[in-house]
PDB file of N, CA and C in Angstrom:
ATOM      1  N   MET A   1    -127.715  64.671 -39.888  1.00  0.00           N
ATOM      2  CA  MET A   1    -127.385  65.018 -41.162  1.00  0.00           C
ATOM      3  C   MET A   1    -129.065  65.146 -41.670  1.00  0.00           C
ATOM      4  N   PHE A   2    -130.339  64.564 -40.908  1.00  0.00           N
ATOM      5  CA  PHE A   2    -131.336  65.276 -41.431  1.00  0.00           C
ATOM      6  C   PHE A   2    -131.664  66.339 -41.229  1.00  0.00           C
ATOM      7  N   ASP A   3    -131.152  67.195 -39.554  1.00  0.00           N
ATOM      8  CA  ASP A   3    -131.476  68.185 -39.289  1.00  0.00           C
ATOM      9  C   ASP A   3    -130.895  69.626 -40.402  1.00  0.00           C
ATOM     10  N   LYS A   4    -129.830  69.003 -40.702  1.00  0.00           N
ATOM     11  CA  LYS A   4    -128.863  70.093 -41.504  1.00  0.00           C
ATOM     12  C   LYS A   4    -129.926  70.201 -42.928  1.00  0.00           C
ATOM     13  N   LEU A   5    -130.517  68.868 -43.420  1.00  0.00           N
ATOM     14  CA  LEU A   5    -130.841  68.885 -45.152  1.00  0.00           C
ATOM     15  C   LEU A   5    -132.152  69.707 -44.397  1.00  0.00           C
ATOM     16  N   THR A   6    -132.904  69.492 -43.767  1.00  0.00           N
ATOM     17  CA  THR A   6    -134.000  70.513 -43.162  1.00  0.00           C
ATOM     18  C   THR A   6    -134.185  72.112 -43.350  1.00  0.00           C
ATOM     19  N   GLU A   7    -132.983  72.167 -42.559  1.00  0.00           N
ATOM     20  CA  GLU A   7    -132.259  73.696 -42.795  1.00  0.00           C
ATOM     21  C   GLU A   7    -132.381  74.200 -43.913  1.00  0.00           C
ATOM     22  N   ILE A   8    -131.731  73.165 -44.523  1.00  0.00           N
ATOM     23  CA  ILE A   8    -131.064  73.782 -46.299  1.00  0.00           C
ATOM     24  C   ILE A   8    -133.209  74.281 -47.222  1.00  0.00           C
ATOM     25  N   ILE A   9    -133.504  72.874 -46.956  1.00  0.00           N
ATOM     26  CA  ILE A   9    -134.886  72.422 -47.523  1.00  0.00           C
ATOM     27  C   ILE A   9    -135.638  73.737 -47.187  1.00  0.00           C
ATOM     28  N   VAL A  10    -136.131  74.434 -46.342  1.00  0.00           N
ATOM     29  CA  VAL A  10    -136.670  75.473 -45.944  1.00  0.00           C
ATOM     30  C   VAL A  10    -136.463  76.680 -47.066  1.00  0.00           C
ATOM     31  N   ASN A  11    -135.125  77.137 -47.632  1.00  0.00           N
ATOM     32  CA  ASN A  11    -134.518  77.890 -48.359  1.00  0.00           C
ATOM     33  C   ASN A  11    -135.434  77.709 -49.509  1.00  0.00           C
ATOM     34  N   TYR A  12    -135.783  76.872 -49.614  1.00  0.00           N
ATOM     35  CA  TYR A  12    -135.950  75.992 -51.362  1.00  0.00           C
ATOM     36  C   TYR A  12    -137.682  76.335 -51.736  1.00  0.00           C
ATOM     37  N   VAL A  13    -137.927  75.590 -50.796  1.00  0.00           N
ATOM     38  CA  VAL A  13    -139.624  75.413 -51.312  1.00  0.00           C
ATOM     39  C   VAL A  13    -140.561  76.006 -49.613  1.00  0.00           C
ATOM     40  N   GLU A  14    -141.681  76.426 -50.098  1.00  0.00           N
ATOM     41  CA  GLU A  14    -142.753  77.048 -49.242  1.00  0.00           C
ATOM     42  C   GLU A  14    -143.071  75.701 -47.819  1.00  0.00           C
ATOM     43  N   VAL A  15    -142.440  75.432 -46.651  1.00  0.00           N
ATOM     44  CA  VAL A  15    -142.777  74.463 -46.205  1.00  0.00           C
ATOM     45  C   VAL A  15    -142.048  74.358 -44.853  1.00  0.00           C
ATOM     46  N   LYS A  16    -143.096  74.187 -43.802  1.00  0.00           N
ATOM     47  CA  LYS A  16    -142.218  74.479 -42.001  1.00  0.00           C
ATOM     48  C   LYS A  16    -141.261  73.278 -41.719  1.00  0.00           C
ATOM     49  N   ARG A  17    -140.202  73.561 -41.269  1.00  0.00           N
ATOM     50  CA  ARG A  17    -139.404  72.517 -41.098  1.00  0.00           C
ATOM     51  C   ARG A  17    -139.913  71.526 -40.218  1.00  0.00           C
ATOM     52  N   GLU A  18    -140.948  72.084 -39.322  1.00  0.00           N
ATOM     53  CA  GLU A  18    -141.368  70.280 -38.750  1.00  0.00           C
ATOM     54  C   GLU A  18    -142.687  69.781 -39.393  1.00  0.00           C
ATOM     55  N   ASP A  19    -142.926  70.417 -40.953  1.00  0.00           N
ATOM     56  CA  ASP A  19    -143.103  69.208 -41.633  1.00  0.00           C
ATOM     57  C   ASP A  19    -142.762  68.632 -42.538  1.00  0.00           C
ATOM     58  N   ILE A  20    -141.351  68.707 -42.349  1.00  0.00           N
ATOM     59  CA  ILE A  20    -140.443  67.974 -43.634  1.00  0.00           C
ATOM     60  C   ILE A  20    -140.370  66.138 -42.340  1.00  0.00           C
ATOM     61  N   LYS A  21    -140.700  65.481 -42.464  1.00  0.00           N
ATOM     62  CA  LYS A  21    -140.403  64.034 -42.442  1.00  0.00           C
ATOM     63  C   LYS A  21    -139.433  63.302 -43.329  1.00  0.00           C
ATOM     64  N   PRO A  22    -139.010  62.273 -42.720  1.00  0.00           N
ATOM     65  CA  PRO A  22    -137.911  61.746 -43.295  1.00  0.00           C
ATOM     66  C   PRO A  22    -138.337  60.840 -44.625  1.00  0.00           C
ATOM     67  N   GLU A  23    -139.946  60.709 -44.803  1.00  0.00           N
ATOM     68  CA  GLU A  23    -140.336  60.231 -45.954  1.00  0.00           C
ATOM     69  C   GLU A  23    -140.928  60.828 -47.171  1.00  0.00           C
ATOM     70  N   SER A  24    -140.883  62.018 -46.506  1.00  0.00           N
ATOM     71  CA  SER A  24    -141.467  62.947 -47.469  1.00  0.00           C
ATOM     72  C   SER A  24    -140.215  63.449 -48.999  1.00  0.00           C
ATOM     73  N   ARG A  25    -141.177  63.031 -49.832  1.00  0.00           N
ATOM     74  CA  ARG A  25    -140.614  63.026 -51.064  1.00  0.00           C
ATOM     75  C   ARG A  25    -140.284  64.426 -51.664  1.00  0.00           C
ATOM     76  N   PHE A  26    -139.359  64.718 -52.716  1.00  0.00           N
ATOM     77  CA  PHE A  26    -138.442  66.180 -52.856  1.00  0.00           C
ATOM     78  C   PHE A  26    -139.709  66.821 -53.657  1.00  0.00           C
ATOM     79  N   MET A  27    -140.969  65.887 -54.737  1.00  0.00           N
ATOM     80  CA  MET A  27    -141.346  66.620 -55.870  1.00  0.00           C
ATOM     81  C   MET A  27    -142.310  66.391 -55.334  1.00  0.00           C
ATOM     82  N   GLU A  28    -142.931  65.356 -55.040  1.00  0.00           N
ATOM     83  CA  GLU A  28    -144.890  65.201 -54.619  1.00  0.00           C
ATOM     84  C   GLU A  28    -144.605  65.696 -53.514  1.00  0.00           C
ATOM     85  N   ASP A  29    -144.238  65.483 -52.183  1.00  0.00           N
ATOM     86  CA  ASP A  29    -144.819  66.322 -51.005  1.00  0.00           C
ATOM     87  C   ASP A  29    -144.019  67.507 -50.745  1.00  0.00           C
ATOM     88  N   LEU A  30    -143.089  68.094 -51.371  1.00  0.00           N
ATOM     89  CA  LEU A  30    -142.396  69.176 -50.652  1.00  0.00           C
ATOM     90  C   LEU A  30    -142.646  70.195 -51.944  1.00  0.00           C
ATOM     91  N   GLY A  31    -142.979  69.906 -53.018  1.00  0.00           N
ATOM     92  CA  GLY A  31    -143.164  71.043 -54.115  1.00  0.00           C
ATOM     93  C   GLY A  31    -141.793  71.331 -54.860  1.00  0.00           C
ATOM     94  N   PHE A  32    -140.606  70.347 -54.812  1.00  0.00           N
ATOM     95  CA  PHE A  32    -139.688  70.661 -55.572  1.00  0.00           C
ATOM     96  C   PHE A  32    -139.682  70.487 -56.917  1.00  0.00           C
ATOM     97  N   THR A  33    -138.964  71.699 -57.686  1.00  0.00           N
ATOM     98  CA  THR A  33    -138.999  71.609 -59.063  1.00  0.00           C
ATOM     99  C   THR A  33    -137.746  71.076 -59.221  1.00  0.00           C
ATOM    100  N   SER A  34    -137.287  70.639 -60.850  1.00  0.00           N
ATOM    101  CA  SER A  34    -136.125  70.174 -60.952  1.00  0.00           C
ATOM    102  C   SER A  34    -134.744  71.425 -60.740  1.00  0.00           C
ATOM    103  N   PHE A  35    -134.955  72.080 -61.338  1.00  0.00           N
ATOM    104  CA  PHE A  35    -134.260  73.024 -60.859  1.00  0.00           C
ATOM    105  C   PHE A  35    -134.085  73.629 -59.127  1.00  0.00           C
ATOM    106  N   ASP A  36    -135.051  73.492 -58.385  1.00  0.00           N
ATOM    107  CA  ASP A  36    -135.029  73.617 -57.323  1.00  0.00           C
ATOM    108  C   ASP A  36    -133.896  72.352 -56.774  1.00  0.00           C
ATOM    109  N   PHE A  37    -134.274  71.338 -56.477  1.00  0.00           N
ATOM    110  CA  PHE A  37    -133.215  70.235 -56.666  1.00  0.00           C
ATOM    111  C   PHE A  37    -131.855  70.255 -56.879  1.00  0.00           C
ATOM    112  N   MET A  38    -132.138  70.821 -58.197  1.00  0.00           N
ATOM    113  CA  MET A  38    -130.419  70.863 -58.121  1.00  0.00           C
ATOM    114  C   MET A  38    -129.580  71.727 -57.751  1.00  0.00           C
ATOM    115  N   SER A  39    -130.619  73.443 -57.705  1.00  0.00           N
ATOM    116  CA  SER A  39    -130.123  73.937 -56.734  1.00  0.00           C
ATOM    117  C   SER A  39    -129.390  74.146 -55.634  1.00  0.00           C
ATOM    118  N   MET A  40    -130.291  73.264 -54.676  1.00  0.00           N
ATOM    119  CA  MET A  40    -130.431  72.435 -53.508  1.00  0.00           C
ATOM    120  C   MET A  40    -129.197  71.791 -53.420  1.00  0.00           C
ATOM    121  N   LEU A  41    -129.059  70.854 -54.668  1.00  0.00           N
ATOM    122  CA  LEU A  41    -127.573  69.966 -54.324  1.00  0.00           C
ATOM    123  C   LEU A  41    -126.619  71.059 -54.548  1.00  0.00           C
ATOM    124  N   GLY A  42    -126.444  71.532 -55.655  1.00  0.00           N
ATOM    125  CA  GLY A  42    -125.245  72.562 -55.256  1.00  0.00           C
ATOM    126  C   GLY A  42    -124.747  73.407 -54.069  1.00  0.00           C
ATOM    127  N   GLU A  43    -126.355  74.235 -53.518  1.00  0.00           N
ATOM    128  CA  GLU A  43    -125.867  74.725 -52.114  1.00  0.00           C
ATOM    129  C   GLU A  43    -125.493  73.675 -50.861  1.00  0.00           C
ATOM    130  N   ILE A  44    -125.601  72.667 -51.180  1.00  0.00           N
ATOM    131  CA  ILE A  44    -125.340  71.265 -50.106  1.00  0.00           C
ATOM    132  C   ILE A  44    -124.013  70.677 -50.373  1.00  0.00           C
ATOM    133  N   GLU A  45    -123.626  70.474 -51.512  1.00  0.00           N
ATOM    134  CA  GLU A  45    -122.132  70.437 -51.422  1.00  0.00           C
ATOM    135  C   GLU A  45    -121.365  71.307 -51.214  1.00  0.00           C
ATOM    136  N   GLU A  46    -121.478  72.683 -51.402  1.00  0.00           N
ATOM    137  CA  GLU A  46    -120.609  73.930 -50.835  1.00  0.00           C
ATOM    138  C   GLU A  46    -120.740  73.611 -49.420  1.00  0.00           C
ATOM    139  N   ALA A  47    -122.006  73.546 -48.665  1.00  0.00           N
ATOM    140  CA  ALA A  47    -122.307  73.768 -47.204  1.00  0.00           C
ATOM    141  C   ALA A  47    -121.301  72.437 -46.643  1.00  0.00           C
ATOM    142  N   LEU A  48    -121.482  71.034 -47.224  1.00  0.00           N
ATOM    143  CA  LEU A  48    -120.413  70.156 -46.431  1.00  0.00           C
ATOM    144  C   LEU A  48    -119.378  69.721 -47.220  1.00  0.00           C
ATOM    145  N   ASP A  49    -119.110  70.732 -47.943  1.00  0.00           N
ATOM    146  CA  ASP A  49    -117.660  70.367 -48.936  1.00  0.00           C
ATOM    147  C   ASP A  49    -117.829  69.053 -49.117  1.00  0.00           C
ATOM    148  N   VAL A  50    -119.212  68.141 -50.155  1.00  0.00           N
ATOM    149  CA  VAL A  50    -118.885  67.137 -50.653  1.00  0.00           C
ATOM    150  C   VAL A  50    -119.254  66.793 -52.142  1.00  0.00           C
ATOM    151  N   GLU A  51    -119.139  65.868 -52.795  1.00  0.00           N
ATOM    152  CA  GLU A  51    -119.225  66.454 -54.277  1.00  0.00           C
ATOM    153  C   GLU A  51    -120.299  65.194 -54.770  1.00  0.00           C
ATOM    154  N   ILE A  52    -121.532  65.648 -55.102  1.00  0.00           N
ATOM    155  CA  ILE A  52    -122.762  64.889 -55.229  1.00  0.00           C
ATOM    156  C   ILE A  52    -122.644  64.151 -56.769  1.00  0.00           C
ATOM    157  N   ASP A  53    -122.949  62.855 -56.863  1.00  0.00           N
ATOM    158  CA  ASP A  53    -122.910  62.216 -58.491  1.00  0.00           C
ATOM    159  C   ASP A  53    -124.167  62.441 -58.930  1.00  0.00           C
ATOM    160  N   GLN A  54    -124.215  63.211 -60.268  1.00  0.00           N
ATOM    161  CA  GLN A  54    -125.198  63.695 -60.532  1.00  0.00           C
ATOM    162  C   GLN A  54    -126.144  62.519 -60.954  1.00  0.00           C
ATOM    163  N   GLU A  55    -125.708  60.726 -61.299  1.00  0.00           N
ATOM    164  CA  GLU A  55    -126.730  60.227 -61.545  1.00  0.00           C
ATOM    165  C   GLU A  55    -127.360  59.199 -60.528  1.00  0.00           C
ATOM    166  N   GLU A  56    -126.539  59.695 -59.035  1.00  0.00           N
ATOM    167  CA  GLU A  56    -126.888  58.876 -57.868  1.00  0.00           C
ATOM    168  C   GLU A  56    -127.881  59.499 -57.351  1.00  0.00           C
ATOM    169  N   ALA A  57    -127.589  61.027 -57.636  1.00  0.00           N
ATOM    170  CA  ALA A  57    -128.897  62.459 -57.357  1.00  0.00           C
ATOM    171  C   ALA A  57    -130.109  62.033 -57.812  1.00  0.00           C
ATOM    172  N   ALA A  58    -129.922  61.707 -58.951  1.00  0.00           N
ATOM    173  CA  ALA A  58    -131.272  61.623 -59.929  1.00  0.00           C
ATOM    174  C   ALA A  58    -131.793  60.476 -59.016  1.00  0.00           C
ATOM    175  N   ASN A  59    -131.490  59.400 -58.334  1.00  0.00           N
ATOM    176  CA  ASN A  59    -132.794  58.284 -57.621  1.00  0.00           C
ATOM    177  C   ASN A  59    -133.040  58.613 -56.460  1.00  0.00           C
ATOM    178  N   ILE A  60    -132.293  60.187 -55.967  1.00  0.00           N
ATOM    179  CA  ILE A  60    -132.792  60.325 -54.419  1.00  0.00           C
ATOM    180  C   ILE A  60    -134.397  60.765 -54.999  1.00  0.00           C
ATOM    181  N   ARG A  61    -135.328  60.345 -53.869  1.00  0.00           N
ATOM    182  CA  ARG A  61    -136.420  60.984 -53.701  1.00  0.00           C
ATOM    183  C   ARG A  61    -137.244  61.298 -52.620  1.00  0.00           C
ATOM    184  N   THR A  62    -136.826  60.750 -51.593  1.00  0.00           N
ATOM    185  CA  THR A  62    -137.135  61.487 -50.165  1.00  0.00           C
ATOM    186  C   THR A  62    -135.774  62.281 -49.493  1.00  0.00           C
ATOM    187  N   VAL A  63    -136.401  62.616 -48.303  1.00  0.00           N
ATOM    188  CA  VAL A  63    -135.584  63.527 -47.299  1.00  0.00           C
ATOM    189  C   VAL A  63    -134.461  62.280 -46.957  1.00  0.00           C
ATOM    190  N   GLN A  64    -135.272  61.054 -45.969  1.00  0.00           N
ATOM    191  CA  GLN A  64    -134.194  60.185 -45.479  1.00  0.00           C
ATOM    192  C   GLN A  64    -133.068  59.813 -46.711  1.00  0.00           C
ATOM    193  N   GLU A  65    -133.468  59.242 -47.795  1.00  0.00           N
ATOM    194  CA  GLU A  65    -132.784  59.013 -48.853  1.00  0.00           C
ATOM    195  C   GLU A  65    -131.545  59.999 -49.034  1.00  0.00           C
ATOM    196  N   ALA A  66    -131.642  61.399 -49.217  1.00  0.00           N
ATOM    197  CA  ALA A  66    -130.557  62.408 -49.441  1.00  0.00           C
ATOM    198  C   ALA A  66    -129.714  62.300 -48.012  1.00  0.00           C
ATOM    199  N   ALA A  67    -130.103  62.250 -46.924  1.00  0.00           N
ATOM    200  CA  ALA A  67    -129.559  62.282 -45.930  1.00  0.00           C
ATOM    201  C   ALA A  67    -128.577  60.972 -45.529  1.00  0.00           C
ATOM    202  N   ASP A  68    -129.094  59.908 -46.109  1.00  0.00           N
ATOM    203  CA  ASP A  68    -128.296  58.813 -45.761  1.00  0.00           C
ATOM    204  C   ASP A  68    -127.256  58.715 -47.165  1.00  0.00           C
ATOM    205  N   TYR A  69    -127.890  59.357 -48.126  1.00  0.00           N
ATOM    206  CA  TYR A  69    -126.216  59.399 -49.375  1.00  0.00           C
ATOM    207  C   TYR A  69    -125.860  60.348 -48.486  1.00  0.00           C
ATOM    208  N   LEU A  70    -125.686  61.517 -48.146  1.00  0.00           N
ATOM    209  CA  LEU A  70    -124.708  62.721 -47.940  1.00  0.00           C
ATOM    210  C   LEU A  70    -123.994  61.946 -46.512  1.00  0.00           C
ATOM    211  N   SER A  71    -124.765  61.374 -45.796  1.00  0.00           N
ATOM    212  CA  SER A  71    -124.033  60.555 -44.689  1.00  0.00           C
ATOM    213  C   SER A  71    -122.829  59.872 -44.852  1.00  0.00           C
ATOM    214  N   LYS A  72    -123.068  59.232 -46.000  1.00  0.00           N
ATOM    215  CA  LYS A  72    -122.198  58.230 -46.896  1.00  0.00           C
ATOM    216  C   LYS A  72    -120.567  59.380 -46.983  1.00  0.00           C
ATOM    217  N   LEU A  73    -121.144  60.423 -47.625  1.00  0.00           N
ATOM    218  CA  LEU A  73    -120.566  61.220 -48.443  1.00  0.00           C
ATOM    219  C   LEU A  73    -119.241  61.482 -47.563  1.00  0.00           C
ATOM    220  N   SER A  74    -120.094  61.783 -46.492  1.00  0.00           N
ATOM    221  CA  SER A  74    -119.101  62.974 -45.427  1.00  0.00           C
ATOM    222  C   SER A  74    -118.151  61.795 -44.133  1.00  0.00           C
TER     223      SER A  74
END
């Protein structure tokens, strides 16, 4: 799930795939805006055919937290 997530992340921010670590924080480390993050969630929902709970998504800070959450959904 982590690899799939990094593939999507590089479409939204100017960061190299190899620079994305499990502990990377979306806003602080990767430079996401709230709009970027919400747009990415929409793409993830389509790509993985899952429904992301917006309240739970608001608590996701790191790439690993997102990967763990998505693993539970699929």
